[in-house]
Protein backbone atom coordinates (compact mmCIF):
# COMPACT_ATOMS: atom_id res chain seq x y z
CA MET A 1 -26.16 -4.54 17.44
CA ASP A 2 -24.82 -0.76 17.52
CA ARG A 3 -21.09 -1.24 17.35
CA LEU A 4 -21.34 1.29 14.21
CA GLN A 5 -24.07 3.64 15.08
CA ASN A 6 -23.82 6.75 13.67
CA LYS A 7 -21.13 5.77 11.09
CA VAL A 8 -20.95 5.81 7.29
CA ALA A 9 -18.86 3.36 5.25
CA ILE A 10 -18.39 2.43 1.70
CA VAL A 11 -17.54 -0.95 0.34
CA PHE A 12 -15.60 -1.01 -2.81
CA GLY A 13 -16.62 -4.27 -4.67
CA ALA A 14 -19.77 -5.69 -3.12
CA GLY A 15 -21.26 -8.86 -4.88
CA PRO A 16 -23.40 -11.18 -2.85
CA ASN A 17 -20.68 -13.00 -1.49
CA ILE A 18 -17.51 -11.59 0.40
CA GLY A 19 -18.20 -7.61 -0.03
CA GLY A 20 -21.88 -7.76 -0.04
CA THR A 21 -21.71 -9.60 3.44
CA ILE A 22 -19.46 -7.17 4.77
CA ALA A 23 -21.66 -4.57 3.81
CA HIS A 24 -24.47 -6.51 5.36
CA PHE A 25 -22.76 -6.72 8.79
CA LEU A 26 -21.78 -3.21 8.74
CA ALA A 27 -25.34 -2.24 7.88
CA ARG A 28 -26.65 -4.67 10.83
CA GLU A 29 -24.10 -2.93 13.21
CA GLY A 30 -25.96 0.46 12.76
CA ALA A 31 -23.68 2.06 9.79
CA LYS A 32 -25.28 3.27 6.77
CA VAL A 33 -23.65 1.83 3.86
CA ALA A 34 -22.66 2.82 0.26
CA VAL A 35 -21.90 -0.18 -2.07
CA SER A 36 -20.00 0.07 -4.95
CA ASP A 37 -18.79 -2.26 -7.61
CA ILE A 38 -17.82 -2.03 -11.59
CA ASN A 39 -21.04 -4.05 -12.15
CA VAL A 40 -24.08 -1.96 -11.48
CA ASP A 41 -26.35 -4.57 -11.17
CA SER A 42 -24.34 -6.16 -8.49
CA ALA A 43 -24.19 -2.86 -6.58
CA GLU A 44 -27.83 -2.30 -6.60
CA GLU A 45 -28.76 -6.12 -5.73
CA THR A 46 -26.41 -5.78 -2.79
CA ALA A 47 -27.88 -2.51 -1.76
CA GLU A 48 -31.50 -3.72 -2.22
CA PHE A 49 -30.79 -6.73 0.10
CA ILE A 50 -29.48 -4.64 2.91
CA ARG A 51 -32.78 -2.14 2.70
CA GLY A 52 -34.85 -5.19 2.51
CA LYS A 53 -33.28 -5.63 5.75
CA GLY A 54 -34.34 -2.37 7.29
CA TYR A 55 -30.98 -0.88 7.03
CA GLU A 56 -29.67 1.98 5.01
CA ALA A 57 -27.72 1.55 1.89
CA PHE A 58 -27.38 2.70 -1.84
CA GLY A 59 -25.92 1.35 -4.50
CA LEU A 60 -22.93 3.23 -6.99
CA GLN A 61 -21.57 1.90 -10.12
CA GLY A 62 -17.71 2.51 -10.09
CA ASN A 63 -14.20 1.39 -11.19
CA ALA A 64 -11.96 1.50 -7.80
CA ARG A 65 -8.99 1.67 -9.92
CA ASP A 66 -10.08 4.56 -11.89
CA ASP A 67 -9.34 8.05 -9.84
CA ALA A 68 -12.58 10.16 -11.26
CA ASP A 69 -14.74 6.92 -10.02
CA VAL A 70 -13.62 6.79 -6.90
CA ARG A 71 -13.86 10.71 -6.08
CA ARG A 72 -17.29 10.43 -7.27
CA ILE A 73 -18.24 7.86 -4.93
CA VAL A 74 -16.73 9.14 -2.20
CA GLU A 75 -18.75 12.87 -2.88
CA GLN A 76 -21.95 11.01 -3.60
CA THR A 77 -21.61 9.46 -0.41
CA VAL A 78 -20.66 12.55 1.81
CA ALA A 79 -23.48 14.39 -0.05
CA ARG A 80 -26.25 12.00 1.13
CA TYR A 81 -24.96 10.83 4.53
CA GLY A 82 -23.06 13.85 5.60
CA ARG A 83 -19.43 12.07 6.58
CA LEU A 84 -17.21 8.97 6.02
CA ASP A 85 -15.97 6.94 8.80
CA VAL A 86 -15.27 3.68 6.85
CA VAL A 87 -13.90 2.30 3.55
CA VAL A 88 -13.24 -1.17 3.25
CA ASN A 89 -11.38 -2.37 -0.31
CA MET A 90 -11.59 -5.51 -2.11
CA ALA A 91 -11.15 -4.53 -5.79
CA GLY A 92 -8.79 -6.17 -8.14
CA ARG A 93 -8.35 -8.46 -11.09
CA VAL A 94 -7.01 -11.75 -10.57
CA HIS A 95 -4.90 -13.56 -13.58
CA TRP A 96 -2.82 -17.04 -13.50
CA SER A 97 0.05 -17.79 -15.64
CA HIS A 98 3.44 -19.93 -14.98
CA VAL A 99 5.70 -17.02 -14.84
CA LEU A 100 7.47 -17.60 -18.17
CA ASP A 101 4.24 -17.45 -19.98
CA MET A 102 3.02 -14.32 -18.46
CA LYS A 103 1.48 -11.49 -20.40
CA LEU A 104 2.18 -8.29 -19.84
CA ASP A 105 -1.05 -6.89 -20.20
CA ASP A 106 -2.15 -9.73 -17.58
CA TRP A 107 0.78 -8.42 -15.09
CA ASN A 108 -0.07 -4.73 -15.49
CA ASP A 109 -3.78 -5.52 -15.04
CA ALA A 110 -3.45 -7.45 -11.77
CA VAL A 111 -0.63 -5.25 -10.39
CA GLY A 112 -2.40 -2.12 -11.40
CA SER A 113 -5.60 -3.06 -10.16
CA PHE A 114 -4.97 -4.18 -6.76
CA ALA A 115 -2.28 -1.75 -5.80
CA THR A 116 -4.15 1.33 -7.77
CA ALA A 117 -7.49 0.55 -6.15
CA GLY A 118 -5.63 0.59 -2.85
CA LEU A 119 -4.07 4.28 -3.03
CA LEU A 120 -7.41 5.56 -4.43
CA THR A 121 -9.70 4.27 -2.19
CA THR A 122 -7.21 5.16 0.67
CA GLN A 123 -6.66 8.66 -0.51
CA HIS A 124 -10.07 9.63 -1.44
CA GLY A 125 -11.46 8.02 1.87
CA ALA A 126 -9.13 9.52 3.94
CA ARG A 127 -9.69 12.89 2.46
CA ALA A 128 -13.20 13.05 3.14
CA MET A 129 -12.56 11.36 6.70
CA ARG A 130 -10.37 14.49 7.68
CA ALA A 131 -12.76 17.24 6.09
CA CYS A 132 -15.63 15.80 8.32
CA GLY A 133 -13.42 15.46 11.39
CA ALA A 134 -13.63 11.60 11.32
CA ASN A 135 -11.16 9.18 13.32
CA GLY A 136 -11.97 6.86 10.66
CA SER A 137 -11.01 3.34 9.47
CA ILE A 138 -9.68 1.84 5.99
CA ILE A 139 -9.77 -1.68 5.50
CA HIS A 140 -8.13 -3.37 2.66
CA ILE A 141 -8.93 -7.44 2.09
CA MET A 142 -6.01 -9.40 1.52
CA SER A 143 -5.25 -12.86 0.44
CA THR A 144 -2.71 -15.60 1.39
CA ALA A 145 -0.86 -14.88 -1.84
CA ALA A 146 0.23 -11.57 0.03
CA HIS A 147 2.27 -13.64 2.26
CA PHE A 148 3.72 -16.64 0.19
CA GLY A 149 4.93 -17.36 -3.18
CA GLU A 150 2.37 -19.47 -5.31
CA ALA A 151 3.21 -21.43 -8.39
CA ASP A 152 1.12 -20.01 -11.35
CA GLY A 153 0.40 -16.94 -9.28
CA ALA A 154 3.21 -14.43 -9.59
CA CYS A 155 1.28 -11.47 -10.56
CA TYR A 156 -1.48 -12.29 -8.23
CA CYS A 157 1.27 -12.53 -5.31
CA ALA A 158 2.84 -9.36 -6.41
CA ALA A 159 -0.08 -7.88 -6.98
CA LYS A 160 -1.39 -8.80 -3.15
CA ALA A 161 2.05 -8.30 -1.53
CA ALA A 162 2.44 -4.46 -2.97
CA LEU A 163 -1.29 -3.82 -1.39
CA LEU A 164 -0.37 -5.38 1.91
CA ASN A 165 2.81 -3.14 2.41
CA PHE A 166 0.97 -0.16 0.66
CA ALA A 167 -1.54 -0.51 3.61
CA ARG A 168 1.22 -0.58 6.16
CA SER A 169 3.00 2.60 4.67
CA ALA A 170 -0.23 4.21 4.58
CA ALA A 171 -0.96 3.36 8.36
CA MET A 172 2.05 5.46 9.13
CA ASP A 173 1.17 8.36 7.24
CA LEU A 174 -2.53 8.40 8.26
CA GLY A 175 -2.06 7.40 12.06
CA PRO A 176 -0.86 11.20 12.93
CA LEU A 177 -4.20 12.57 11.42
CA GLY A 178 -6.32 10.07 13.61
CA ILE A 179 -6.94 7.42 10.43
CA ARG A 180 -6.27 3.74 10.82
CA VAL A 181 -5.36 1.35 8.12
CA ASN A 182 -5.69 -2.36 8.67
CA THR A 183 -6.04 -5.35 6.43
CA ILE A 184 -7.59 -8.81 6.52
CA THR A 185 -6.27 -11.81 5.16
CA PRO A 186 -8.24 -14.83 4.38
CA CYS A 187 -7.28 -18.02 2.44
CA SER A 188 -9.40 -20.13 -0.46
CA MET A 189 -12.92 -19.27 0.86
CA GLU A 190 -15.83 -21.91 1.67
CA HIS A 191 -18.14 -20.25 -1.13
CA GLN A 192 -15.68 -21.35 -4.13
CA LEU A 193 -16.90 -24.95 -3.43
CA TRP A 194 -20.22 -23.93 -4.96
CA THR A 195 -18.56 -21.26 -7.23
CA THR A 196 -15.01 -21.96 -8.84
CA MET A 197 -14.64 -25.46 -7.43
CA ARG A 198 -18.15 -26.60 -7.86
CA ASP A 199 -16.81 -28.93 -10.86
CA GLU A 200 -14.10 -30.39 -8.92
CA MET A 201 -16.38 -31.33 -5.84
CA PHE A 202 -19.30 -32.90 -7.76
CA ASP A 203 -18.57 -33.96 -10.96
CA PRO A 204 -16.84 -37.16 -10.93
CA ASN A 205 -15.43 -37.39 -14.31
CA TRP A 206 -13.76 -33.88 -13.27
CA GLN A 207 -9.92 -33.95 -14.44
CA GLU A 208 -7.24 -32.01 -12.81
CA PRO A 209 -6.14 -29.13 -14.97
CA LYS A 210 -2.40 -29.03 -16.26
CA ARG A 211 -1.18 -26.57 -13.95
CA THR A 212 2.14 -26.43 -12.10
CA GLY A 213 0.68 -24.63 -9.30
CA PHE A 214 -2.73 -26.71 -8.89
CA TYR A 215 -3.81 -28.14 -5.74
CA SER A 216 -7.35 -29.75 -4.99
CA ARG A 217 -9.86 -28.82 -2.50
CA GLN A 218 -9.24 -31.95 -0.74
CA GLU A 219 -5.11 -30.91 -0.32
CA TYR A 220 -6.05 -27.62 0.71
CA LEU A 221 -8.54 -28.78 3.61
CA ASP A 222 -5.81 -31.13 4.71
CA GLN A 223 -3.72 -27.99 5.33
CA MET A 224 -6.13 -26.36 7.76
CA PRO A 225 -5.86 -26.57 11.40
CA LEU A 226 -9.40 -25.52 12.00
CA ARG A 227 -10.42 -28.44 9.29
CA ARG A 228 -12.95 -25.71 7.91
CA PHE A 229 -12.46 -22.90 5.00
CA PRO A 230 -13.65 -19.34 5.95
CA ARG A 231 -16.80 -18.34 5.26
CA ALA A 232 -17.84 -14.70 3.96
CA ALA A 233 -19.22 -14.20 7.74
CA ASP A 234 -15.98 -14.90 9.26
CA LEU A 235 -14.23 -12.06 7.04
CA ALA A 236 -17.49 -9.58 7.93
CA TRP A 237 -16.87 -9.97 11.44
CA ALA A 238 -13.11 -9.12 11.13
CA ALA A 239 -14.27 -6.06 9.33
CA VAL A 240 -17.03 -4.79 11.75
CA PHE A 241 -14.32 -5.33 14.43
CA LEU A 242 -11.74 -2.90 12.46
CA ALA A 243 -14.41 -0.63 11.39
CA SER A 244 -15.73 -0.11 15.41
CA ASP A 245 -14.27 1.83 18.40
CA GLU A 246 -13.15 -1.39 19.37
CA SER A 247 -10.10 -1.11 17.49
CA ILE A 248 -9.22 2.26 18.15
CA CYS A 249 -5.59 1.26 18.87
CA MET A 250 -4.80 -0.79 15.76
CA THR A 251 -3.36 0.60 12.88
CA GLY A 252 -0.78 -1.29 10.31
CA ALA A 253 -1.92 -4.64 11.57
CA ASP A 254 -3.17 -7.61 9.73
CA ILE A 255 -5.71 -10.15 10.83
CA ALA A 256 -5.43 -13.61 9.62
CA VAL A 257 -9.01 -15.02 8.98
CA ASP A 258 -7.53 -18.48 7.28
CA GLY A 259 -8.35 -21.46 10.16
CA GLY A 260 -4.72 -21.40 11.15
CA LEU A 261 -3.31 -22.04 8.06
CA ARG A 262 -0.51 -19.34 7.99
CA HIS A 263 0.53 -20.11 11.25
CA LYS A 264 0.92 -23.60 11.47
CA TYR A 265 4.48 -25.55 11.03
CA PRO A 266 4.84 -25.89 7.30
CA THR A 267 5.40 -29.53 7.42
CA TRP A 268 3.02 -30.38 9.58
CA THR A 269 -0.35 -31.60 7.31
CA PRO A 270 -3.45 -31.53 10.02
CA GLY A 271 -5.11 -33.67 7.56
CA ARG A 272 -3.19 -36.66 8.15
CA HIS A 273 -3.88 -36.73 11.87
CA TYR A 274 -7.43 -35.27 11.68
CA PRO A 275 -8.83 -36.76 8.40
CA LEU A 276 -11.76 -35.02 6.84
CA ASP A 277 -12.64 -35.94 3.49
CA ILE A 278 -13.62 -32.99 1.40
CA ARG A 279 -17.01 -34.56 0.18
CA ASP A 280 -17.84 -34.91 3.66
CA TYR A 281 -17.11 -31.49 4.29
CA ALA A 282 -19.55 -30.39 1.57
CA ARG A 283 -22.32 -32.30 2.63
CA SER A 284 -22.08 -30.13 6.06
CA VAL A 285 -21.66 -27.12 4.27
CA GLN A 286 -24.65 -24.51 4.03
CA TRP A 287 -24.35 -22.18 1.30
CA THR A 288 -24.76 -18.60 2.15
CA ARG A 289 -25.61 -15.33 0.32
CA TYR A 290 -24.88 -11.85 2.38
CA GLY A 291 -23.87 -14.12 5.27
CA GLU A 292 -26.99 -15.69 5.49
CA GLU A 293 -27.50 -19.58 5.33
CA GLN A 294 -29.84 -20.74 2.01
CA GLY A 295 -29.78 -24.51 2.43
CA SER A 296 -27.76 -27.30 1.99
CA LEU A 297 -24.86 -27.10 -0.49
CA THR A 298 -25.29 -30.80 -1.71
CA GLU A 299 -29.22 -29.95 -1.86
CA TRP A 300 -28.46 -27.00 -4.14
CA LEU A 301 -25.86 -28.75 -6.32
CA GLY A 302 -26.82 -32.53 -5.86
CA GLU A 303 -25.18 -35.30 -3.92
CA PRO A 304 -21.55 -35.88 -5.09
CA LYS A 305 -21.52 -39.04 -6.87
CA PRO A 306 -18.50 -41.48 -6.47
CA ALA A 307 -16.08 -41.60 -9.00
CA ALA A 308 -16.18 -44.00 -11.62
């Protein structure tokens, strides 16, 4: 449990799911962690959870797309811990719309938030790493939307693709300085079954929204070669690897944590050959916070009822 001993990390965007789990796992491996979120309560809750486990962490409120906020967060972290070795960025705003109905404000918000947060967290993080002589690691959390076109997802796909190629370019600029920049790409996450997808899973009267790009969780699961959705802990382990010296010769790389989704042959549907009902899957799921199992998903939300 000492893969990150003596390292200092900042996680931008740290609620109890992905960001908070990454922060927890970094701390568990020995890093001192600054937890930042635009919502101060989320930042403090995550930091308190980590401290409650006996690890070092503190919370900071800030907007990762605001230059002054990012500079302040980095400066306060260095002032507190004396150095900076790891930056994890997963900040950004998501908007969904058919391309013909796209509002310019939503487009600017999505593209600006992901790409700008990527630039600022990389700039200020790398400057601090250089100042303290760290061979640092910067990690951006992506999405399969960075690699594919998605109906109703033009601004999200464009924003994530911009961040992906920004990270690759930043890796080239910072490589000679000993600073690595890599990315992690998940697909739809398991925790979405009990957050954004819970009605679809558990309400027998749920009706599909009339959206061009909508697909059900069953359709999504049927495309997964490993027959399960990624969990926050899966991303956290990838982040620990990229933050550690185990990945010292990796930069500009993207690690797919997606159950094989991105690498399967497009016309092959695993669910046709290895059927798994999404409600049976839900019965097997443990809902988690900060990467720790809290109990059965169906015990928490109730047993899925058959459709009328």
